[in-house]
Amino acid sequence: MDRIFINGKVATIDSKNSFAEAVAVENGKIAKVGSKEEVLELKNDKTEVIDLEGKLLLPGFNDSHMHLLMYSYHLQNVNLVGTTSIDNIIERTKNFIKERNIASGKWILGIGWNQDYFTEGERVFPTKYDLDKISTEHPIVFIRACYHIVIANSKAMELAGITKDSPQIEGGKFDLDENGEPIGIFREKAQGLITSHIPEPTVEEIKEMLIEGMENANKCGLTSVQTDDFEAIPGKNYENIIKAYKELNEEGKINLRIYEQCLLPSMERLKGFLDRGYRTGHGDDFFKIGPLKLLGDGSLGARTAALTKPYADCPETCGIPVFTQEEIDELVEMAHNNDMQIAVHCIGNKAMYMVFEAMEKALTKNPKEDHRYGIVHCQITDKYLLDKFKELNAVAYIQPIFLDYDWHIAESRIGSELLKTSYNWKTLLHSGVHLGFGSDAPVESFDVLNGIYEAVTSKDLNGNPEGGWKPDQTLTVEEAVYGFTMGGAYTSFEENVKGSIEEGKLADMVVLSRNIFEIPEDEIKDIEVEMTIFNGNIVYEK
């Protein structure tokens, strides 16, 4: 026996929702779950015995939707999270260039700004004119926290060939001033006009980034992630990304189980991927091809989420659907007929209507019983859409941490009536819909304890609003923990191999500083991860 964990409170998260005292692991699998005496009977001279000192042991956490490579890539770029003004952005970036002594002409990337967090009266998007105050020698690109808008300076636009004569593109737009000049704001698909010119990292550089990202994920108790990586970095070369993961796996340097959500937003990209023989499920327990991932619309914060009616606080727009109905129909049908699971980013109700229509058409032509197709985010819903989840047996990829920001803006964006049926996770769960919880990192932090706290309290990390934002939709602690363990395993067809602490399953577990099931709900966000066990090995210890 490789390791034995004793004197713990082991929450199995199995069908019996039982507790045990000890767990034995061998060859990356859970060999025994039971009492201290039962498990210690398996001890031999080579067994490492770890005393948990009464602490809670849970299955390893599973983030059902994030962007691991994007997170890892931006660790080396300007962190704009928490900036409070455009001047603050300018100052932080100037300091970044100076401290790192970045050579003239090198691209400067920044991530995480959100104008809604700027000082009141200054809540506007930066423009090229603001970024030009930082430098006109460096091409500069700043990505909004939602990843649906980028701002470029004059040098970046020059290198990309963007002028007042450049045509707009379908599924996106770049903003113009009163004279028809581009001002550096690029939305949705138009982002690619700029980002496609940023230099592409090598496979070795990708591997180095991923190692750092995986280490940080382990610190939060994550042992599995379902990650959308194919367009996370310049070049969008998915073969290099797959190669990087496979090499890390072969080298024994992969400390997360990866289920790749394959962003292939055009028929050309999808056909090329399928022609190479890739299908959902290809791979092993460490790296596996997951669903076709598509972006159906934008974000609520940027008012690009596609709604059926105009925004309450901006009636001139209904948001931006990324595809026409015909385009989404074709992509979904192609994936469906070629054994690819499907997961589509939809924040607005209009986007969900379009995607459910596409899924229903494909399933009617070619029925498939256990497809586990799903909607990523599914925030703005109405009664029809809530019922449609169950009717189509679709899964919901939920990010509870979104409440931290969205409760401040959602009602002003969509109105009080539509809000009643939006963010209705409890309604979905109790109607029999499978929920897999995640973070959408780096849009938000992948700290799982914060996500569980928000799902349970419906409050932001500052404890607001009093009594919770949508108290009728809060979940129990057990339901929230399930969403980050077995719920995530279900969305990747892996509930029989992970997600609970049961004999024969993968030995992925996490030890918490306090018992999440016994403390006041408001204190859940203060719990710390003490230890993370991956494949039977301790990959993080506080």
Protein backbone atom coordinates (compact mmCIF):
# COMPACT_ATOMS: atom_id res chain seq x y z
CA MET A 1 0.00 0.00 0.00
CA ASP A 2 1.48 3.38 -0.99
CA ARG A 3 -0.27 5.71 1.47
CA ILE A 4 -2.83 5.53 4.21
CA PHE A 5 -4.72 8.56 5.51
CA ILE A 6 -6.07 8.04 9.04
CA ASN A 7 -7.95 9.95 11.74
CA GLY A 8 -9.88 12.03 9.25
CA LYS A 9 -13.50 12.82 8.66
CA VAL A 10 -13.80 11.34 5.18
CA ALA A 11 -16.83 12.66 3.26
CA THR A 12 -17.24 10.09 0.50
CA ILE A 13 -19.81 12.07 -1.58
CA ASP A 14 -21.07 8.69 -2.77
CA SER A 15 -24.69 7.61 -3.23
CA LYS A 16 -24.98 6.99 0.54
CA ASN A 17 -23.35 10.34 1.37
CA SER A 18 -21.48 8.52 4.11
CA PHE A 19 -18.44 9.29 6.25
CA ALA A 20 -15.39 7.17 7.07
CA GLU A 21 -12.21 7.48 9.15
CA ALA A 22 -9.47 6.39 6.80
CA VAL A 23 -8.47 5.81 3.18
CA ALA A 24 -5.74 3.66 1.63
CA VAL A 25 -4.33 4.37 -1.83
CA GLU A 26 -2.18 2.28 -4.13
CA ASN A 27 -1.04 2.76 -7.73
CA GLY A 28 -3.08 5.95 -8.07
CA LYS A 29 -6.36 4.32 -7.01
CA ILE A 30 -8.39 4.20 -3.80
CA ALA A 31 -7.84 0.71 -2.38
CA LYS A 32 -9.85 0.89 0.85
CA VAL A 33 -12.29 3.23 2.60
CA GLY A 34 -13.33 2.43 6.14
CA SER A 35 -12.39 2.61 9.80
CA LYS A 36 -8.85 3.29 10.99
CA GLU A 37 -8.45 -0.31 12.07
CA GLU A 38 -9.71 -1.73 8.75
CA VAL A 39 -7.44 0.43 6.66
CA LEU A 40 -4.32 -0.01 8.80
CA GLU A 41 -4.56 -3.76 8.23
CA LEU A 42 -3.27 -3.03 4.70
CA LYS A 43 -0.13 -1.28 5.96
CA ASN A 44 3.28 -2.71 5.01
CA ASP A 45 6.89 -1.63 5.48
CA LYS A 46 6.75 0.79 2.54
CA THR A 47 3.43 2.43 3.44
CA GLU A 48 3.42 6.11 4.35
CA VAL A 49 0.84 6.77 7.07
CA ILE A 50 -0.55 10.32 7.22
CA ASP A 51 -2.50 11.49 10.28
CA LEU A 52 -5.24 13.92 9.24
CA GLU A 53 -5.78 14.96 12.87
CA GLY A 54 -9.55 15.04 12.51
CA LYS A 55 -9.62 17.24 9.41
CA LEU A 56 -12.14 16.86 6.60
CA LEU A 57 -11.13 14.83 3.54
CA LEU A 58 -13.15 15.38 0.36
CA PRO A 59 -12.87 14.12 -3.22
CA GLY A 60 -10.55 16.36 -5.27
CA PHE A 61 -12.32 19.40 -6.67
CA ASN A 62 -13.32 19.48 -10.34
CA ASP A 63 -13.70 22.80 -12.19
CA SER A 64 -16.21 22.11 -14.95
CA HIS A 65 -15.29 25.15 -17.05
CA MET A 66 -12.19 27.29 -17.02
CA HIS A 67 -9.32 28.41 -19.26
CA LEU A 68 -6.18 26.92 -17.71
CA LEU A 69 -3.79 27.88 -20.49
CA MET A 70 -5.17 31.41 -20.71
CA TYR A 71 -4.78 31.75 -16.94
CA SER A 72 -1.23 30.39 -17.15
CA TYR A 73 -0.35 32.61 -20.12
CA HIS A 74 -1.48 35.75 -18.38
CA LEU A 75 0.56 35.06 -15.26
CA GLN A 76 3.45 36.56 -17.22
CA ASN A 77 1.48 39.60 -18.40
CA VAL A 78 0.17 42.79 -16.76
CA ASN A 79 -2.37 41.95 -14.06
CA LEU A 80 -5.09 44.61 -14.30
CA VAL A 81 -7.47 43.00 -11.82
CA GLY A 82 -8.54 45.53 -9.21
CA THR A 83 -7.62 48.63 -11.19
CA THR A 84 -9.89 51.51 -10.23
CA SER A 85 -9.42 53.92 -13.13
CA ILE A 86 -7.84 54.34 -16.54
CA ASP A 87 -5.02 56.31 -14.89
CA ASN A 88 -4.46 53.36 -12.55
CA ILE A 89 -4.18 51.05 -15.59
CA ILE A 90 -1.67 53.39 -17.24
CA GLU A 91 0.46 53.64 -14.10
CA ARG A 92 0.46 49.89 -13.44
CA THR A 93 1.49 49.10 -17.01
CA LYS A 94 4.28 51.68 -17.09
CA ASN A 95 5.66 50.16 -13.88
CA PHE A 96 5.43 46.66 -15.41
CA ILE A 97 7.45 47.71 -18.48
CA LYS A 98 10.04 49.47 -16.34
CA GLU A 99 10.44 46.72 -13.72
CA ARG A 100 10.86 44.00 -16.35
CA ASN A 101 12.99 46.17 -18.62
CA ILE A 102 10.98 45.09 -21.66
CA ALA A 103 12.69 45.84 -24.94
CA SER A 104 11.16 48.37 -27.30
CA GLY A 105 8.77 46.84 -29.81
CA LYS A 106 7.76 43.86 -27.63
CA TRP A 107 4.04 43.24 -27.25
CA ILE A 108 2.53 44.18 -23.90
CA LEU A 109 -0.58 42.30 -22.81
CA GLY A 110 -2.81 43.15 -19.87
CA ILE A 111 -5.75 41.22 -18.46
CA GLY A 112 -8.55 41.74 -15.99
CA TRP A 113 -9.71 45.35 -16.16
CA ASN A 114 -13.41 45.98 -15.58
CA GLN A 115 -14.79 49.49 -15.96
CA ASP A 116 -17.65 48.69 -13.57
CA TYR A 117 -15.07 48.67 -10.77
CA PHE A 118 -13.70 52.08 -11.72
CA THR A 119 -14.34 55.12 -9.57
CA GLU A 120 -17.86 56.45 -10.05
CA GLY A 121 -17.98 58.94 -12.90
CA GLU A 122 -15.05 57.23 -14.67
CA ARG A 123 -16.75 53.97 -15.68
CA VAL A 124 -15.90 54.04 -19.36
CA PHE A 125 -13.80 51.80 -21.59
CA PRO A 126 -10.18 52.81 -22.19
CA THR A 127 -9.34 53.66 -25.80
CA LYS A 128 -6.23 53.68 -27.97
CA TYR A 129 -5.59 57.24 -26.83
CA ASP A 130 -5.29 56.08 -23.22
CA LEU A 131 -2.99 53.18 -24.12
CA ASP A 132 -0.84 55.48 -26.26
CA LYS A 133 -0.03 57.37 -23.05
CA ILE A 134 1.77 54.22 -21.90
CA SER A 135 3.76 53.74 -25.08
CA THR A 136 3.59 54.19 -28.83
CA GLU A 137 6.66 51.98 -29.33
CA HIS A 138 5.20 48.85 -27.73
CA PRO A 139 2.08 47.32 -29.29
CA ILE A 140 -0.32 47.11 -26.32
CA VAL A 141 -3.46 45.00 -25.94
CA PHE A 142 -5.67 44.99 -22.85
CA ILE A 143 -8.28 42.25 -22.40
CA ARG A 144 -11.40 42.98 -20.36
CA ALA A 145 -12.13 40.64 -17.44
CA CYS A 146 -14.89 38.94 -19.44
CA TYR A 147 -12.57 38.21 -22.42
CA HIS A 148 -15.15 39.58 -24.85
CA ILE A 149 -13.54 42.99 -25.44
CA VAL A 150 -9.95 44.04 -26.12
CA ILE A 151 -8.45 47.51 -26.27
CA ALA A 152 -5.48 48.15 -28.57
CA ASN A 153 -3.12 51.08 -28.84
CA SER A 154 -2.13 52.78 -32.08
CA LYS A 155 1.00 50.62 -32.55
CA ALA A 156 -0.97 47.37 -32.22
CA MET A 157 -3.57 48.64 -34.68
CA GLU A 158 -0.82 49.71 -37.09
CA LEU A 159 0.75 46.22 -37.01
CA ALA A 160 -2.70 44.68 -37.51
CA GLY A 161 -3.46 46.98 -40.45
CA ILE A 162 -6.59 48.47 -38.86
CA THR A 163 -7.63 51.81 -40.37
CA LYS A 164 -10.84 53.74 -40.96
CA ASP A 165 -11.16 51.80 -44.22
CA SER A 166 -11.09 48.38 -42.54
CA PRO A 167 -14.41 46.52 -42.89
CA GLN A 168 -16.41 45.35 -39.89
CA ILE A 169 -16.77 41.58 -39.46
CA GLU A 170 -19.78 39.36 -38.81
CA GLY A 171 -20.19 38.41 -35.15
CA GLY A 172 -18.20 41.35 -33.81
CA LYS A 173 -17.41 45.02 -34.20
CA PHE A 174 -14.76 47.65 -33.52
CA ASP A 175 -15.83 51.08 -32.30
CA LEU A 176 -15.44 54.26 -34.38
CA ASP A 177 -15.41 57.93 -33.42
CA GLU A 178 -17.56 60.61 -35.07
CA ASN A 179 -15.06 60.81 -37.94
CA GLY A 180 -15.14 57.08 -38.61
CA GLU A 181 -11.71 56.46 -37.03
CA PRO A 182 -11.23 53.24 -35.01
CA ILE A 183 -10.69 54.10 -31.33
CA GLY A 184 -9.14 50.80 -30.27
CA ILE A 185 -12.16 48.98 -28.84
CA PHE A 186 -12.71 45.53 -30.38
CA ARG A 187 -15.71 43.37 -29.44
CA GLU A 188 -16.35 39.63 -29.81
CA LYS A 189 -15.04 38.19 -33.11
CA ALA A 190 -13.41 41.52 -33.97
CA GLN A 191 -10.88 40.83 -31.20
CA GLY A 192 -9.15 38.44 -33.58
CA LEU A 193 -8.27 41.32 -35.91
CA ILE A 194 -5.78 42.35 -33.23
CA THR A 195 -4.95 39.23 -31.23
CA SER A 196 -4.07 37.20 -34.33
CA HIS A 197 -0.94 39.36 -34.69
CA ILE A 198 0.49 38.63 -31.23
CA PRO A 199 3.53 36.27 -31.43
CA GLU A 200 2.82 32.57 -30.81
CA PRO A 201 4.51 30.73 -27.88
CA THR A 202 6.51 27.54 -28.50
CA VAL A 203 5.51 24.10 -27.16
CA GLU A 204 8.18 24.35 -24.45
CA GLU A 205 6.88 27.78 -23.42
CA ILE A 206 3.35 26.40 -23.27
CA LYS A 207 4.52 23.57 -21.03
CA GLU A 208 6.27 25.98 -18.67
CA MET A 209 3.13 28.10 -18.44
CA LEU A 210 0.92 25.09 -17.74
CA ILE A 211 3.16 23.78 -14.97
CA GLU A 212 2.82 27.08 -13.10
CA GLY A 213 -0.94 27.16 -13.67
CA MET A 214 -1.38 23.57 -12.47
CA GLU A 215 0.60 24.26 -9.30
CA ASN A 216 -1.69 27.18 -8.46
CA ALA A 217 -4.77 25.07 -9.16
CA ASN A 218 -3.50 22.35 -6.83
CA LYS A 219 -3.22 24.96 -4.06
CA CYS A 220 -6.99 25.42 -4.34
CA GLY A 221 -7.68 21.68 -4.08
CA LEU A 222 -8.28 21.21 -7.78
CA THR A 223 -7.41 17.80 -9.21
CA SER A 224 -9.53 17.94 -12.39
CA VAL A 225 -10.32 20.78 -14.78
CA GLN A 226 -12.42 21.01 -17.91
CA THR A 227 -10.54 23.65 -19.82
CA ASP A 228 -11.08 25.65 -22.99
CA ASP A 229 -7.54 26.21 -24.34
CA PHE A 230 -7.51 26.11 -28.13
CA GLU A 231 -7.79 29.87 -28.66
CA ALA A 232 -6.24 30.92 -25.35
CA ILE A 233 -2.93 32.05 -26.79
CA PRO A 234 -1.71 33.72 -29.98
CA GLY A 235 -1.57 31.40 -32.97
CA LYS A 236 -4.51 29.28 -31.83
CA ASN A 237 -2.47 26.19 -32.76
CA TYR A 238 -4.37 23.39 -31.05
CA GLU A 239 -1.88 20.77 -32.20
CA ASN A 240 0.87 22.49 -30.19
CA ILE A 241 -1.42 22.75 -27.18
CA ILE A 242 -2.35 19.05 -27.36
CA LYS A 243 1.34 18.20 -27.83
CA ALA A 244 2.29 20.23 -24.75
CA TYR A 245 -0.23 18.38 -22.57
CA LYS A 246 0.80 14.99 -23.95
CA GLU A 247 4.49 15.68 -23.35
CA LEU A 248 3.80 16.81 -19.79
CA ASN A 249 1.84 13.60 -19.30
CA GLU A 250 4.67 11.46 -20.68
CA GLU A 251 7.16 13.31 -18.46
CA GLY A 252 5.04 12.76 -15.35
CA LYS A 253 4.61 16.51 -14.89
CA ILE A 254 0.83 16.76 -15.20
CA ASN A 255 -0.85 17.36 -11.84
CA LEU A 256 -4.40 17.89 -13.05
CA ARG A 257 -6.77 15.66 -14.98
CA ILE A 258 -7.49 17.61 -18.15
CA TYR A 259 -10.76 17.33 -20.10
CA GLU A 260 -10.22 19.63 -23.08
CA GLN A 261 -13.21 21.70 -24.14
CA CYS A 262 -12.25 22.10 -27.79
CA LEU A 263 -13.00 25.62 -29.03
CA LEU A 264 -13.38 25.21 -32.80
CA PRO A 265 -15.60 28.10 -33.89
CA SER A 266 -15.73 27.48 -37.63
CA MET A 267 -16.65 24.59 -39.89
CA GLU A 268 -13.13 24.63 -41.30
CA ARG A 269 -11.55 24.29 -37.84
CA LEU A 270 -14.02 21.61 -36.74
CA LYS A 271 -13.63 19.50 -39.90
CA GLY A 272 -9.85 19.74 -39.70
CA PHE A 273 -9.96 18.54 -36.10
CA LEU A 274 -12.27 15.64 -36.92
CA ASP A 275 -10.19 14.70 -39.97
CA ARG A 276 -7.21 14.26 -37.65
CA GLY A 277 -9.18 11.59 -35.82
CA TYR A 278 -9.97 13.49 -32.62
CA ARG A 279 -13.20 12.61 -30.84
CA THR A 280 -14.65 13.12 -27.36
CA GLY A 281 -13.12 10.57 -24.99
CA HIS A 282 -9.82 10.11 -26.84
CA GLY A 283 -6.95 10.09 -24.35
CA ASP A 284 -6.40 8.71 -20.86
CA ASP A 285 -7.12 9.56 -17.22
CA PHE A 286 -4.67 12.48 -17.36
CA PHE A 287 -5.49 14.19 -20.67
CA LYS A 288 -8.65 13.59 -22.63
CA ILE A 289 -10.47 15.24 -25.53
CA GLY A 290 -13.80 16.60 -24.34
CA PRO A 291 -16.63 18.41 -26.13
CA LEU A 292 -16.77 20.80 -29.02
CA LYS A 293 -16.85 24.18 -27.31
CA LEU A 294 -18.52 27.16 -28.98
CA LEU A 295 -19.14 30.75 -27.96
CA GLY A 296 -22.79 31.59 -28.55
CA ASP A 297 -22.64 35.19 -27.36
CA GLY A 298 -20.67 37.62 -25.21
CA SER A 299 -20.90 38.81 -21.61
CA LEU A 300 -23.42 40.65 -19.49
CA GLY A 301 -20.87 43.16 -18.22
CA ALA A 302 -19.95 44.19 -21.76
CA ARG A 303 -23.62 44.09 -22.90
CA THR A 304 -22.70 41.60 -25.62
CA ALA A 305 -24.68 38.69 -24.13
CA ALA A 306 -27.46 38.07 -26.66
CA LEU A 307 -30.93 38.83 -25.30
CA THR A 308 -34.35 38.40 -26.90
CA LYS A 309 -35.20 42.00 -25.95
CA PRO A 310 -33.09 45.19 -25.69
CA TYR A 311 -30.99 45.81 -22.61
CA ALA A 312 -32.94 47.68 -19.94
CA ASP A 313 -30.08 50.16 -19.46
CA CYS A 314 -29.03 50.34 -23.13
CA PRO A 315 -32.12 49.91 -25.34
CA GLU A 316 -30.18 50.39 -28.58
CA THR A 317 -28.66 46.89 -28.27
CA CYS A 318 -29.78 43.31 -27.67
CA GLY A 319 -26.20 42.04 -27.48
CA ILE A 320 -24.26 40.07 -30.10
CA PRO A 321 -25.05 36.50 -31.18
CA VAL A 322 -21.75 35.10 -32.44
CA PHE A 323 -23.40 32.83 -35.04
CA THR A 324 -26.45 32.91 -37.25
CA GLN A 325 -28.97 30.14 -36.61
CA GLU A 326 -27.81 28.35 -39.77
CA GLU A 327 -24.16 28.47 -38.68
CA ILE A 328 -24.83 27.11 -35.19
CA ASP A 329 -27.11 24.42 -36.65
CA GLU A 330 -24.34 23.21 -38.98
CA LEU A 331 -21.63 23.16 -36.33
CA VAL A 332 -23.79 21.34 -33.78
CA GLU A 333 -24.96 18.78 -36.32
CA MET A 334 -21.42 18.14 -37.53
CA ALA A 335 -20.20 17.53 -33.97
CA HIS A 336 -23.27 15.47 -33.08
CA ASN A 337 -22.84 13.16 -36.07
CA ASN A 338 -19.14 12.68 -35.36
CA ASP A 339 -19.26 11.60 -31.71
CA MET A 340 -18.34 14.96 -30.22
CA GLN A 341 -20.02 16.11 -27.05
CA ILE A 342 -21.19 19.74 -27.27
CA ALA A 343 -20.83 22.60 -24.77
CA VAL A 344 -21.82 26.13 -25.78
CA HIS A 345 -21.16 29.39 -23.94
CA CYS A 346 -24.54 31.12 -23.59
CA ILE A 347 -25.09 33.93 -21.12
CA GLY A 348 -28.11 35.60 -22.74
CA ASN A 349 -31.48 33.93 -23.33
CA LYS A 350 -31.41 34.63 -27.08
CA ALA A 351 -28.17 32.63 -27.41
CA MET A 352 -29.72 29.75 -25.46
CA TYR A 353 -32.81 29.70 -27.67
CA MET A 354 -30.56 29.39 -30.72
CA VAL A 355 -28.37 26.64 -29.25
CA PHE A 356 -31.25 24.57 -27.91
CA GLU A 357 -32.88 24.80 -31.34
CA ALA A 358 -29.68 23.52 -32.95
CA MET A 359 -29.33 20.69 -30.44
CA GLU A 360 -32.97 19.68 -30.83
CA LYS A 361 -32.66 19.57 -34.63
CA ALA A 362 -29.56 17.36 -34.43
CA LEU A 363 -31.08 15.02 -31.85
CA THR A 364 -34.32 14.70 -33.85
CA LYS A 365 -32.44 13.71 -37.01
CA ASN A 366 -30.06 11.38 -35.18
CA PRO A 367 -31.28 10.44 -31.67
CA LYS A 368 -28.62 9.91 -29.02
CA GLU A 369 -29.63 8.81 -25.53
CA ASP A 370 -26.79 9.89 -23.22
CA HIS A 371 -25.32 12.90 -25.02
CA ARG A 372 -24.69 15.22 -22.06
CA TYR A 373 -24.73 18.30 -24.28
CA GLY A 374 -24.71 21.43 -22.22
CA ILE A 375 -24.87 25.17 -21.80
CA VAL A 376 -21.90 26.97 -20.26
CA HIS A 377 -22.88 29.83 -17.91
CA CYS A 378 -26.67 29.79 -18.64
CA GLN A 379 -27.30 32.93 -16.61
CA ILE A 380 -30.23 34.75 -18.25
CA THR A 381 -33.06 32.24 -18.52
CA ASP A 382 -36.83 32.31 -18.76
CA LYS A 383 -39.40 29.64 -17.91
CA TYR A 384 -39.23 28.07 -21.38
CA LEU A 385 -35.45 27.68 -21.17
CA LEU A 386 -35.51 26.28 -17.64
CA ASP A 387 -37.96 23.61 -18.82
CA LYS A 388 -35.95 22.97 -21.99
CA PHE A 389 -32.90 21.86 -19.99
CA LYS A 390 -34.84 18.95 -18.58
CA GLU A 391 -36.68 18.20 -21.83
CA LEU A 392 -33.40 17.88 -23.77
CA ASN A 393 -31.56 16.27 -20.84
CA ALA A 394 -28.93 19.00 -21.15
CA VAL A 395 -26.32 19.69 -18.48
CA ALA A 396 -25.66 23.13 -16.99
CA TYR A 397 -22.11 24.36 -16.44
CA ILE A 398 -22.53 26.89 -13.60
CA GLN A 399 -20.04 29.39 -12.15
CA PRO A 400 -21.33 30.37 -8.67
CA ILE A 401 -18.51 32.92 -8.29
CA PHE A 402 -20.21 35.03 -10.99
CA LEU A 403 -22.63 36.24 -8.31
CA ASP A 404 -19.80 38.27 -6.79
CA TYR A 405 -20.00 40.74 -9.67
CA ASP A 406 -23.31 40.07 -11.37
CA TRP A 407 -25.59 40.94 -8.49
CA HIS A 408 -24.40 44.53 -8.86
CA ILE A 409 -25.37 44.81 -12.54
CA ALA A 410 -27.86 42.10 -13.55
CA GLU A 411 -31.12 43.86 -12.70
CA SER A 412 -30.06 47.10 -14.36
CA ARG A 413 -29.07 45.15 -17.49
CA ILE A 414 -32.10 42.86 -17.91
CA GLY A 415 -34.87 44.27 -15.69
CA SER A 416 -36.56 42.86 -12.60
CA GLU A 417 -39.01 40.56 -14.40
CA LEU A 418 -36.45 38.53 -16.36
CA LEU A 419 -34.18 38.46 -13.31
CA LYS A 420 -36.79 36.35 -11.46
CA THR A 421 -36.07 33.38 -13.74
CA SER A 422 -32.34 34.03 -14.16
CA TYR A 423 -29.48 32.52 -12.12
CA ASN A 424 -32.02 29.84 -11.15
CA TRP A 425 -29.62 27.06 -10.20
CA LYS A 426 -31.78 25.56 -7.47
CA THR A 427 -34.72 25.40 -9.86
CA LEU A 428 -32.59 23.55 -12.41
CA LEU A 429 -31.09 21.17 -9.86
CA HIS A 430 -34.39 20.30 -8.22
CA SER A 431 -35.99 19.65 -11.61
CA GLY A 432 -33.42 16.91 -12.22
CA VAL A 433 -30.89 18.81 -14.35
CA HIS A 434 -27.24 17.85 -13.81
CA LEU A 435 -25.08 20.80 -12.71
CA GLY A 436 -21.30 20.92 -12.95
CA PHE A 437 -19.71 23.82 -11.07
CA GLY A 438 -16.68 25.82 -12.18
CA SER A 439 -15.10 29.26 -12.22
CA ASP A 440 -14.43 30.41 -15.81
CA ALA A 441 -10.93 31.33 -14.57
CA PRO A 442 -9.18 33.60 -15.25
CA VAL A 443 -12.39 35.62 -15.68
CA GLU A 444 -12.87 34.88 -11.96
CA SER A 445 -10.65 33.12 -9.41
CA PHE A 446 -10.70 29.31 -9.40
CA ASP A 447 -10.75 29.26 -5.59
CA VAL A 448 -13.37 26.55 -5.10
CA LEU A 449 -14.20 27.51 -1.51
CA ASN A 450 -15.27 30.96 -2.71
CA GLY A 451 -17.49 29.31 -5.32
CA ILE A 452 -19.12 27.05 -2.74
CA TYR A 453 -19.66 30.02 -0.43
CA GLU A 454 -21.43 32.00 -3.17
CA ALA A 455 -23.64 29.06 -4.16
CA VAL A 456 -24.69 28.56 -0.55
CA THR A 457 -25.14 32.17 0.59
CA SER A 458 -25.93 34.09 -2.63
CA LYS A 459 -23.67 36.85 -1.26
CA ASP A 460 -20.52 38.41 -2.65
CA LEU A 461 -17.16 37.95 -0.95
CA ASN A 462 -17.80 41.09 1.14
CA GLY A 463 -20.96 39.53 2.58
CA ASN A 464 -23.39 41.60 0.52
CA PRO A 465 -26.28 41.92 0.09
CA GLU A 466 -27.63 41.17 3.54
CA GLY A 467 -29.69 37.98 3.39
CA GLY A 468 -28.35 37.08 -0.06
CA TRP A 469 -29.13 38.32 -3.56
CA LYS A 470 -31.37 35.43 -4.61
CA PRO A 471 -32.03 33.56 -1.36
CA ASP A 472 -34.69 31.39 -3.03
CA GLN A 473 -31.98 29.92 -5.28
CA THR A 474 -29.30 29.14 -2.69
CA LEU A 475 -28.05 25.56 -2.44
CA THR A 476 -27.14 23.43 0.54
CA VAL A 477 -23.47 22.89 1.34
CA GLU A 478 -23.87 19.26 0.28
CA GLU A 479 -25.33 20.29 -3.08
CA ALA A 480 -22.57 22.82 -3.70
CA VAL A 481 -19.78 20.38 -2.82
CA TYR A 482 -21.42 17.80 -5.08
CA GLY A 483 -21.39 20.33 -7.93
CA PHE A 484 -17.60 20.71 -7.61
CA THR A 485 -16.99 16.94 -7.34
CA MET A 486 -19.48 14.43 -8.71
CA GLY A 487 -21.30 17.10 -10.72
CA GLY A 488 -18.16 17.89 -12.67
CA ALA A 489 -17.33 14.20 -13.10
CA TYR A 490 -20.77 13.64 -14.64
CA THR A 491 -20.36 16.38 -17.25
CA SER A 492 -17.22 14.60 -18.54
CA PHE A 493 -18.70 11.07 -18.47
CA GLU A 494 -16.34 10.18 -15.61
CA GLU A 495 -18.63 9.71 -12.62
CA ASN A 496 -17.62 6.04 -12.46
CA VAL A 497 -13.91 6.80 -12.05
CA LYS A 498 -13.74 9.99 -9.95
CA GLY A 499 -15.79 12.57 -8.07
CA SER A 500 -16.27 10.50 -4.89
CA ILE A 501 -14.09 8.62 -2.42
CA GLU A 502 -14.92 5.01 -3.26
CA GLU A 503 -12.82 1.91 -3.66
CA GLY A 504 -11.50 1.52 -7.19
CA LYS A 505 -11.80 5.21 -8.09
CA LEU A 506 -8.89 7.54 -8.83
CA ALA A 507 -7.07 8.66 -5.69
CA ASP A 508 -7.72 12.41 -6.01
CA MET A 509 -8.60 14.11 -2.71
CA VAL A 510 -8.38 17.37 -0.80
CA VAL A 511 -7.97 18.09 2.94
CA LEU A 512 -9.63 21.23 4.33
CA SER A 513 -8.69 23.24 7.42
CA ARG A 514 -12.27 23.17 8.75
CA ASN A 515 -15.32 20.98 8.35
CA ILE A 516 -17.34 22.70 5.65
CA PHE A 517 -20.50 20.85 6.71
CA GLU A 518 -20.44 22.08 10.33
CA ILE A 519 -19.37 25.73 10.28
CA PRO A 520 -21.51 28.86 9.67
CA GLU A 521 -22.10 29.30 5.94
CA ASP A 522 -20.61 32.81 5.92
CA GLU A 523 -17.26 31.34 7.04
CA ILE A 524 -16.91 28.87 4.14
CA LYS A 525 -14.84 31.36 2.13
CA ASP A 526 -12.31 31.47 4.98
CA ILE A 527 -11.56 27.73 4.84
CA GLU A 528 -8.07 26.88 3.63
CA VAL A 529 -6.84 23.93 1.61
CA GLU A 530 -4.38 21.99 3.78
CA MET A 531 -3.39 19.28 1.31
CA THR A 532 -4.15 18.14 -2.23
CA ILE A 533 -3.69 14.50 -3.25
CA PHE A 534 -3.51 13.72 -6.97
CA ASN A 535 -3.22 10.19 -8.30
CA GLY A 536 -2.36 9.08 -4.77
CA ASN A 537 0.53 11.57 -4.44
CA ILE A 538 0.62 14.70 -2.33
CA VAL A 539 1.01 17.55 -4.84
CA TYR A 540 0.33 20.41 -2.42
CA GLU A 541 0.74 20.77 1.32
CA LYS A 542 0.29 24.00 3.19
